[in-house]
Protein backbone atom coordinates (compact mmCIF):
# COMPACT_ATOMS: atom_id res chain seq x y z
CA UNK A 1 -122.62 -5.18 1.59
CA UNK A 2 -123.29 -1.42 0.72
CA UNK A 3 -126.49 -0.41 1.26
CA UNK A 4 -126.74 2.51 -1.28
CA UNK A 5 -125.25 0.56 -4.51
CA UNK A 6 -126.64 -2.69 -3.30
CA UNK A 7 -130.26 -1.58 -2.44
CA UNK A 8 -130.58 1.85 -4.34
CA UNK A 9 -132.86 2.57 -1.84
CA UNK A 10 -135.30 5.49 -3.49
CA UNK A 11 -136.24 7.08 -0.24
CA UNK A 12 -134.01 8.96 2.48
CA UNK A 13 -136.35 6.92 5.51
CA UNK A 14 -136.01 3.46 3.35
CA UNK A 15 -132.05 4.34 3.48
CA UNK A 16 -132.55 5.29 7.47
CA UNK A 17 -134.15 2.39 8.22
CA UNK A 18 -131.63 0.06 6.54
CA UNK A 19 -128.54 1.81 7.75
CA UNK A 20 -130.61 1.18 11.46
CA UNK A 21 -130.05 -2.22 10.97
CA UNK A 22 -127.62 -3.91 8.83
CA UNK A 23 -127.33 -7.07 8.32
CA UNK A 24 -125.02 -9.57 9.57
CA UNK A 25 -122.87 -10.67 6.54
CA UNK A 26 -121.42 -14.30 6.95
CA UNK A 27 -118.64 -14.73 5.05
CA UNK A 28 -116.45 -17.77 5.03
CA UNK A 29 -116.90 -21.80 5.41
CA UNK A 30 -116.16 -22.03 9.30
CA UNK A 31 -119.84 -22.85 11.04
CA UNK A 32 -118.48 -21.36 14.30
CA UNK A 33 -117.42 -17.52 12.17
CA UNK A 34 -120.68 -17.14 10.74
CA UNK A 35 -122.22 -18.03 14.30
CA UNK A 36 -120.07 -15.56 16.55
CA UNK A 37 -120.66 -13.51 13.24
CA UNK A 38 -124.42 -13.95 14.29
CA UNK A 39 -123.39 -12.64 17.62
CA UNK A 40 -122.37 -9.37 16.47
CA UNK A 41 -119.00 -10.07 16.10
CA UNK A 42 -117.75 -11.32 20.16
CA UNK A 43 -116.02 -14.13 20.95
CA UNK A 44 -117.46 -16.47 23.68
CA UNK A 45 -114.73 -14.58 25.75
CA UNK A 46 -115.98 -10.61 24.94
CA UNK A 47 -119.07 -11.28 26.45
CA UNK A 48 -119.89 -8.21 28.88
CA UNK A 49 -122.48 -7.84 31.39
CA UNK A 50 -125.58 -6.12 30.08
CA UNK A 51 -127.23 -3.20 31.86
CA UNK A 52 -131.00 -5.32 31.61
CA UNK A 53 -133.09 -5.69 34.74
CA UNK A 54 -134.26 -8.93 33.15
CA UNK A 55 -136.32 -9.38 36.41
CA UNK A 56 -137.91 -6.27 36.49
CA UNK A 57 -138.91 -6.66 32.63
CA UNK A 58 -140.52 -10.12 33.17
CA UNK A 59 -138.27 -12.29 31.51
CA UNK A 60 -137.33 -14.32 34.52
CA UNK A 61 -141.19 -15.04 35.56
CA UNK A 62 -142.68 -18.28 36.23
CA UNK A 63 -139.25 -19.92 36.61
CA UNK A 64 -137.54 -22.02 39.40
CA UNK A 65 -134.48 -21.05 40.60
CA UNK A 66 -132.11 -23.63 38.75
CA UNK A 67 -134.12 -22.68 35.33
CA UNK A 68 -134.02 -18.58 36.31
CA UNK A 69 -130.37 -18.90 36.84
CA UNK A 70 -129.43 -20.89 33.55
CA UNK A 71 -132.27 -18.40 32.02
CA UNK A 72 -130.67 -15.19 33.48
CA UNK A 73 -127.40 -16.25 31.65
CA UNK A 74 -128.81 -17.30 28.40
CA UNK A 75 -130.33 -13.54 28.77
CA UNK A 76 -126.80 -11.85 29.51
CA UNK A 77 -125.54 -14.05 26.59
CA UNK A 78 -127.82 -12.85 24.02
CA UNK A 79 -127.93 -9.13 25.28
CA UNK A 80 -123.78 -9.09 25.36
CA UNK A 81 -124.30 -9.68 21.51
CA UNK A 82 -126.68 -7.45 20.94
CA UNK A 83 -129.83 -8.65 20.67
CA UNK A 84 -132.20 -5.32 21.84
CA UNK A 85 -134.40 -6.23 24.98
CA UNK A 86 -137.79 -5.89 22.59
CA UNK A 87 -136.45 -8.94 21.01
CA UNK A 88 -135.55 -10.80 24.21
CA UNK A 89 -138.86 -10.13 25.05
CA UNK A 90 -140.60 -11.65 21.61
CA UNK A 91 -138.85 -14.77 21.83
CA UNK A 92 -139.37 -15.60 25.64
CA UNK A 93 -142.87 -14.56 25.08
CA UNK A 94 -142.97 -17.04 22.80
CA UNK A 95 -140.87 -19.73 23.64
CA UNK A 96 -138.48 -19.46 21.01
CA UNK A 97 -135.57 -17.92 23.11
CA UNK A 98 -132.82 -21.25 22.54
CA UNK A 99 -133.32 -20.93 18.85
CA UNK A 100 -132.97 -16.71 18.71
CA UNK A 101 -129.07 -17.03 17.86
CA UNK A 102 -130.05 -19.56 15.03
CA UNK A 103 -132.64 -17.38 14.12
CA UNK A 104 -130.14 -14.83 13.97
CA UNK A 105 -127.60 -16.69 11.91
CA UNK A 106 -130.46 -17.26 9.52
CA UNK A 107 -131.50 -13.89 9.01
CA UNK A 108 -128.14 -11.66 10.12
CA UNK A 109 -130.66 -9.43 11.94
CA UNK A 110 -133.93 -7.46 11.50
CA UNK A 111 -134.32 -5.14 9.34
CA UNK A 112 -137.23 -3.31 6.90
CA UNK A 113 -140.70 -2.68 7.98
CA UNK A 114 -143.41 -3.85 5.20
CA UNK A 115 -143.37 0.00 4.18
CA UNK A 116 -139.81 0.19 3.13
CA UNK A 117 -140.21 -3.23 1.52
CA UNK A 118 -143.10 -1.69 -0.54
CA UNK A 119 -141.31 1.50 -1.48
CA UNK A 120 -137.61 -0.95 -2.50
CA UNK A 121 -139.81 -2.76 -4.49
CA UNK A 122 -142.44 -1.16 -5.61
CA UNK A 123 -144.54 -4.51 -4.94
CA UNK A 124 -148.14 -2.35 -3.26
CA UNK A 125 -148.16 -2.98 0.40
CA UNK A 126 -151.43 -4.99 0.54
CA UNK A 127 -150.35 -7.06 -1.32
CA UNK A 128 -147.15 -7.65 0.13
CA UNK A 129 -149.29 -8.68 3.66
CA UNK A 130 -151.68 -10.87 1.56
CA UNK A 131 -147.99 -12.70 0.11
CA UNK A 132 -146.54 -13.00 3.79
CA UNK A 133 -150.18 -14.65 4.52
CA UNK A 134 -150.21 -17.59 2.00
CA UNK A 135 -146.65 -18.11 2.84
CA UNK A 136 -147.66 -19.08 6.73
CA UNK A 137 -146.19 -16.52 8.57
CA UNK A 138 -147.41 -14.02 11.06
CA UNK A 139 -147.96 -10.57 10.19
CA UNK A 140 -146.28 -8.16 11.72
CA UNK A 141 -147.09 -3.64 12.26
CA UNK A 142 -146.46 -1.76 8.96
CA UNK A 143 -143.28 -0.28 11.23
CA UNK A 144 -142.33 -3.20 12.60
CA UNK A 145 -138.60 -3.35 11.39
CA UNK A 146 -138.55 -7.68 11.06
CA UNK A 147 -137.90 -7.76 6.99
CA UNK A 148 -134.92 -9.62 6.39
CA UNK A 149 -132.73 -9.12 3.14
CA UNK A 150 -133.45 -12.52 2.17
CA UNK A 151 -137.24 -11.23 2.00
CA UNK A 152 -135.98 -8.13 0.24
CA UNK A 153 -135.18 -10.49 -2.30
CA UNK A 154 -138.08 -12.73 -2.32
CA UNK A 155 -140.53 -9.74 -2.83
CA UNK A 156 -137.85 -8.51 -5.96
CA UNK A 157 -138.96 -11.65 -7.08
CA UNK A 158 -142.05 -11.51 -6.54
CA UNK A 159 -142.60 -8.69 -8.27
CA UNK A 160 -140.28 -10.34 -11.29
CA UNK A 161 -143.24 -13.25 -11.77
CA UNK A 162 -145.96 -10.41 -11.65
CA UNK A 163 -143.99 -8.60 -14.36
CA UNK A 164 -143.18 -11.89 -16.70
CA UNK A 165 -147.26 -12.04 -16.25
CA UNK A 166 -148.08 -14.39 -13.59
CA UNK A 167 -151.30 -13.24 -12.32
CA UNK A 168 -151.64 -12.45 -8.36
CA UNK A 169 -153.89 -15.27 -7.73
CA UNK A 170 -151.39 -17.63 -9.08
CA UNK A 171 -148.26 -16.64 -6.99
CA UNK A 172 -150.34 -16.25 -3.89
CA UNK A 173 -151.90 -19.90 -5.00
CA UNK A 174 -148.18 -21.19 -5.72
CA UNK A 175 -146.45 -19.10 -2.54
CA UNK A 176 -149.83 -21.34 -0.18
CA UNK A 177 -148.36 -24.48 -2.01
CA UNK A 178 -144.65 -23.89 -1.19
CA UNK A 179 -145.23 -22.29 2.26
CA UNK A 180 -146.67 -25.82 3.79
CA UNK A 181 -144.24 -27.67 1.60
CA UNK A 182 -141.53 -25.87 2.95
CA UNK A 183 -143.15 -25.51 6.52
CA UNK A 184 -143.06 -28.84 6.85
CA UNK A 185 -139.34 -29.32 5.65
CA UNK A 186 -138.70 -26.77 8.44
CA UNK A 187 -139.95 -28.37 11.22
CA UNK A 188 -138.10 -32.53 9.91
CA UNK A 189 -134.96 -29.65 9.68
CA UNK A 190 -135.25 -28.67 13.14
CA UNK A 191 -136.15 -32.25 15.07
CA UNK A 192 -133.06 -33.12 12.79
CA UNK A 193 -130.14 -30.34 14.10
CA UNK A 194 -132.04 -30.87 17.99
CA UNK A 195 -130.89 -34.48 17.68
CA UNK A 196 -127.57 -33.33 17.04
CA UNK A 197 -127.47 -30.90 20.05
CA UNK A 198 -128.88 -32.00 22.47
CA UNK A 199 -128.10 -34.16 25.74
CA UNK A 200 -128.44 -34.47 29.05
CA UNK A 201 -127.62 -31.85 31.69
CA UNK A 202 -126.57 -29.20 28.70
CA UNK A 203 -127.52 -25.55 29.91
CA UNK A 204 -129.83 -23.38 28.14
CA UNK A 205 -127.11 -21.35 26.80
CA UNK A 206 -125.09 -24.39 25.94
CA UNK A 207 -128.03 -25.36 23.75
CA UNK A 208 -128.43 -22.29 22.41
CA UNK A 209 -125.13 -22.08 21.40
CA UNK A 210 -124.84 -25.69 19.88
CA UNK A 211 -127.86 -24.51 17.88
CA UNK A 212 -126.99 -21.48 16.49
CA UNK A 213 -123.56 -23.42 15.41
CA UNK A 214 -125.54 -26.49 13.46
CA UNK A 215 -128.04 -23.90 12.33
CA UNK A 216 -124.37 -22.02 10.58
CA UNK A 217 -122.92 -25.15 9.19
CA UNK A 218 -125.97 -26.96 7.98
CA UNK A 219 -128.18 -24.16 6.69
CA UNK A 220 -125.81 -23.20 3.57
CA UNK A 221 -126.85 -26.69 2.38
CA UNK A 222 -130.49 -25.90 2.51
CA UNK A 223 -130.70 -23.94 -0.51
CA UNK A 224 -129.31 -25.86 -3.13
CA UNK A 225 -131.11 -28.81 -2.47
CA UNK A 226 -134.26 -27.84 -2.15
CA UNK A 227 -133.38 -25.95 -5.48
CA UNK A 228 -132.25 -29.42 -7.05
CA UNK A 229 -135.36 -31.35 -5.85
CA UNK A 230 -137.80 -29.11 -6.58
CA UNK A 231 -136.16 -28.84 -10.25
CA UNK A 232 -135.91 -33.37 -10.42
CA UNK A 233 -139.91 -33.04 -9.35
CA UNK A 234 -140.38 -29.77 -12.67
CA UNK A 235 -138.37 -32.55 -15.31
CA UNK A 236 -140.64 -35.27 -13.81
CA UNK A 237 -144.02 -33.26 -14.35
CA UNK A 238 -142.70 -32.26 -17.29
CA UNK A 239 -141.92 -35.90 -18.55
CA UNK A 240 -145.59 -36.98 -17.43
CA UNK A 241 -148.18 -34.11 -17.87
CA UNK A 242 -150.39 -34.53 -21.06
CA UNK A 243 -151.62 -31.85 -22.46
CA UNK A 244 -154.66 -33.00 -25.30
CA UNK A 245 -155.40 -31.66 -29.11
CA UNK A 246 -158.20 -30.26 -27.44
CA UNK A 247 -156.13 -28.27 -24.61
CA UNK A 248 -153.80 -26.98 -27.41
CA UNK A 249 -156.44 -25.58 -29.37
CA UNK A 250 -158.98 -24.06 -27.11
CA UNK A 251 -154.88 -22.32 -25.55
CA UNK A 252 -156.73 -23.19 -21.62
CA UNK A 253 -155.37 -25.35 -18.88
CA UNK A 254 -157.28 -28.14 -18.42
CA UNK A 255 -159.57 -28.21 -16.40
CA UNK A 256 -161.43 -31.69 -14.77
CA UNK A 257 -160.00 -35.06 -16.37
CA UNK A 258 -160.13 -38.40 -15.74
CA UNK A 259 -157.51 -39.43 -13.16
CA UNK A 260 -157.98 -42.49 -10.57
CA UNK A 261 -157.82 -41.40 -7.22
CA UNK A 262 -156.79 -44.22 -4.35
CA UNK A 263 -156.04 -44.18 -0.20
CA UNK A 264 -154.45 -47.03 2.08
CA UNK A 265 -155.01 -46.42 5.36
CA UNK A 266 -153.85 -47.87 8.83
CA UNK A 267 -156.75 -50.43 10.27
CA UNK A 268 -157.24 -49.72 13.55
CA UNK A 269 -155.12 -46.72 13.93
CA UNK A 270 -158.04 -44.98 15.50
CA UNK A 271 -157.82 -47.25 18.36
CA UNK A 272 -154.12 -47.29 18.48
CA UNK A 273 -154.43 -43.74 19.63
CA UNK A 274 -156.06 -44.63 22.78
CA UNK A 275 -153.30 -47.42 23.50
CA UNK A 276 -150.27 -45.98 22.82
CA UNK A 277 -148.34 -43.13 22.69
CA UNK A 278 -148.04 -40.07 20.21
CA UNK A 279 -144.85 -40.92 19.66
CA UNK A 280 -145.32 -44.16 18.18
CA UNK A 281 -148.51 -43.29 16.23
CA UNK A 282 -145.77 -40.22 14.67
CA UNK A 283 -143.73 -43.26 13.96
CA UNK A 284 -146.20 -45.29 11.87
CA UNK A 285 -147.27 -42.54 10.37
CA UNK A 286 -143.95 -41.80 8.57
CA UNK A 287 -143.22 -45.33 7.94
CA UNK A 288 -146.24 -45.58 6.03
CA UNK A 289 -145.30 -42.13 3.86
CA UNK A 290 -141.94 -44.47 3.88
CA UNK A 291 -143.45 -47.31 1.92
CA UNK A 292 -145.45 -45.37 0.18
CA UNK A 293 -142.67 -43.25 -1.45
CA UNK A 294 -140.73 -46.34 -1.80
CA UNK A 295 -143.41 -48.42 -3.76
CA UNK A 296 -144.62 -45.69 -6.17
CA UNK A 297 -143.46 -45.20 -9.80
CA UNK A 298 -144.54 -43.07 -11.98
CA UNK A 299 -147.68 -41.84 -13.75
CA UNK A 300 -148.48 -42.71 -9.71
CA UNK A 301 -148.34 -39.67 -7.59
CA UNK A 302 -148.39 -39.62 -4.08
CA UNK A 303 -150.35 -36.50 -3.57
CA UNK A 304 -150.68 -36.09 0.26
CA UNK A 305 -150.32 -38.09 3.52
CA UNK A 306 -153.35 -37.90 6.30
CA UNK A 307 -152.04 -38.92 9.48
CA UNK A 308 -153.33 -43.04 8.82
CA UNK A 309 -153.82 -42.75 5.90
CA UNK A 310 -152.02 -41.85 2.01
CA UNK A 311 -153.33 -40.36 -0.92
CA UNK A 312 -152.54 -41.70 -4.57
CA UNK A 313 -153.41 -40.53 -7.87
CA UNK A 314 -152.78 -41.38 -11.56
CA UNK A 315 -153.96 -40.96 -14.83
CA UNK A 316 -153.46 -44.44 -15.62
CA UNK A 317 -155.78 -46.60 -13.26
CA UNK A 318 -154.00 -50.35 -13.84
CA UNK A 319 -150.37 -48.30 -12.75
CA UNK A 320 -152.47 -46.89 -9.83
CA UNK A 321 -153.98 -50.43 -8.94
CA UNK A 322 -150.72 -52.23 -8.93
CA UNK A 323 -149.67 -49.50 -6.63
CA UNK A 324 -151.58 -50.27 -4.20
CA UNK A 325 -151.62 -53.82 -4.16
CA UNK A 326 -147.63 -53.29 -3.75
CA UNK A 327 -148.30 -51.08 -0.74
CA UNK A 328 -150.37 -53.68 1.14
CA UNK A 329 -148.23 -56.33 0.23
CA UNK A 330 -144.88 -54.49 1.73
CA UNK A 331 -146.74 -53.36 4.89
CA UNK A 332 -147.49 -57.07 4.64
CA UNK A 333 -144.18 -57.32 4.63
CA UNK A 334 -143.06 -55.02 8.02
CA UNK A 335 -144.79 -57.83 10.06
CA UNK A 336 -145.72 -56.79 13.96
CA UNK A 337 -144.11 -53.27 12.80
CA UNK A 338 -146.88 -51.71 11.18
CA UNK A 339 -150.70 -52.78 10.52
CA UNK A 340 -152.34 -54.43 7.84
CA UNK A 341 -153.53 -51.41 5.47
CA UNK A 342 -156.88 -51.32 3.79
CA UNK A 343 -157.12 -49.67 0.48
CA UNK A 344 -159.81 -48.00 -2.05
CA UNK A 345 -160.00 -46.30 -5.33
CA UNK A 346 -162.11 -45.08 -8.35
CA UNK A 347 -161.92 -43.48 -10.90
CA UNK A 348 -163.96 -40.23 -12.49
CA UNK A 349 -163.13 -37.04 -13.41
CA UNK A 350 -161.22 -34.17 -10.58
CA UNK A 351 -160.21 -31.28 -11.34
CA UNK A 352 -156.10 -30.64 -9.82
CA UNK A 353 -155.07 -27.63 -7.64
CA UNK A 354 -152.63 -26.44 -6.07
CA UNK A 355 -151.06 -29.60 -5.99
CA UNK A 356 -154.45 -31.57 -4.70
CA UNK A 357 -157.00 -33.23 -6.00
CA UNK A 358 -161.10 -32.46 -5.97
CA UNK A 359 -163.85 -34.31 -7.00
CA UNK A 360 -166.47 -37.52 -7.01
CA UNK A 361 -163.29 -40.13 -7.69
CA UNK A 362 -162.08 -38.16 -4.42
CA UNK A 363 -164.46 -38.53 -2.49
CA UNK A 364 -166.06 -42.43 -3.83
CA UNK A 365 -161.76 -43.43 -3.03
CA UNK A 366 -162.05 -42.38 0.87
CA UNK A 367 -165.51 -44.17 1.58
CA UNK A 368 -164.27 -47.45 -0.44
CA UNK A 369 -161.68 -47.19 1.59
CA UNK A 370 -163.22 -47.20 5.05
CA UNK A 371 -165.12 -50.30 4.13
CA UNK A 372 -162.42 -52.08 2.65
CA UNK A 373 -161.11 -55.51 4.24
CA UNK A 374 -157.95 -55.49 5.68
CA UNK A 375 -155.26 -56.71 3.45
CA UNK A 376 -157.66 -55.91 0.80
CA UNK A 377 -158.57 -53.42 -2.12
CA UNK A 378 -162.10 -52.63 -2.45
CA UNK A 379 -162.55 -50.43 -6.38
CA UNK A 380 -166.11 -48.89 -8.05
CA UNK A 381 -166.98 -49.87 -10.75
CA UNK A 382 -165.74 -47.20 -13.31
CA UNK A 383 -161.86 -48.01 -12.69
CA UNK A 384 -162.95 -52.09 -12.71
CA UNK A 385 -164.11 -51.51 -16.42
CA UNK A 386 -160.79 -48.81 -16.99
CA UNK A 387 -157.99 -51.51 -16.10
CA UNK A 388 -157.41 -53.50 -18.59
CA UNK A 389 -154.53 -55.42 -16.92
CA UNK A 390 -155.36 -58.72 -16.55
CA UNK A 391 -156.52 -59.24 -12.54
CA UNK A 392 -158.30 -61.04 -10.55
CA UNK A 393 -161.82 -59.43 -10.06
CA UNK A 394 -164.54 -60.81 -7.77
CA UNK A 395 -167.78 -58.65 -7.08
CA UNK A 396 -168.38 -57.33 -3.84
CA UNK A 397 -171.46 -55.84 -3.78
CA UNK A 398 -173.71 -52.75 -3.96
CA UNK A 399 -173.41 -50.38 -1.07
CA UNK A 400 -174.86 -47.37 -0.06
CA UNK A 401 -171.47 -45.12 1.21
CA UNK A 402 -172.27 -42.43 3.59
CA UNK A 403 -172.10 -39.03 1.37
CA UNK A 404 -172.65 -40.94 -1.70
CA UNK A 405 -175.92 -40.32 -3.55
CA UNK A 406 -176.35 -43.55 -5.33
CA UNK A 407 -175.60 -47.07 -4.21
CA UNK A 408 -172.10 -47.78 -5.62
CA UNK A 409 -171.15 -51.33 -7.02
CA UNK A 410 -167.35 -52.55 -5.87
CA UNK A 411 -165.74 -55.06 -7.08
CA UNK A 412 -161.94 -56.31 -5.26
CA UNK A 413 -159.23 -56.43 -7.19
CA UNK A 414 -156.26 -59.38 -6.81
CA UNK A 415 -153.38 -59.92 -8.60
CA UNK A 416 -153.70 -62.55 -11.86
CA UNK A 417 -152.40 -65.79 -11.35
CA UNK A 418 -149.09 -66.54 -11.87
CA UNK A 419 -148.42 -67.69 -15.06
């Protein structure tokens, strides 16, 4: 890639900065070749001993003899592949040295300072920092060359959004939502790759190389996959989002609107936390999310998972109630694999922001869930009266709930009897 023709840097300083840290070009379909590019173009047989005293630099501190030898072998390999000492120190200090070769596969080598990114894109430096913070990324010093070619392109896209009329506040809100979701996706992908490459007795150097090779093989698929998933969700939202006459005539986005909110949580999850390993708790939480994703149908939406609970939202209270009852049945069908569920729901005006909901029905549904019996769905009067389908109802009394000012009349919902 030509620095002059592709980037058109407006200043000699920016051009010099790009030349000092030219990214690795990943070409061809061979993941081993891409991993070799990440090692600076050398093959495994071209390693030359570096002239760095790793012990003197503090890179072997705190390691016992076997681990010290493994770490030194990994450091020598990375240094021979062209990784600078500062980067070796950074990754050693933050515990990511095993992933450094994979990081170079993904980034192609670091190159730009924040000031250079700002100059190349015309994006204000302060807003550039705000966007990176909204992503959930650490903020480097303005003179640190930590921004990659991909990040440069992302900032250019951010600038294009602004030119299209999207406000800075809206860009930051969208970035926060994407940052949270993609951070979780990255963590899940990391676990998948580690499962593919880990095995007993593998050395640090071999594990690092295996991880880099697997990353090189899988990473080209991620961009299209994420883009396709986002497009599918946008299409679903376009089909399901209603804008009423008042909103059209006012020319404003909807504020609060009537929505049914439901929670379902695992009974006894807190007690289980004292009795079983964290891995088992994680498995139960993941199983709940999987079941919820499988049983809900539009317009019901899985808003989020909160440890031992899932939060659902729908503009149609009957469909939400059907989803909660189906979810409880599905959990029961799992037998001993999953503890019993209990659910609570409420109907009322709430505000949607950044993919989440805020307002009285959210707080009320959460409080109702906490007092529901195992295997039951408990709702407030508003949802009971707003659900016209032929469910069976039983009055469950009036309760004072923590954080709710007035007593709440509650009803237990059951499916209609078979005809």
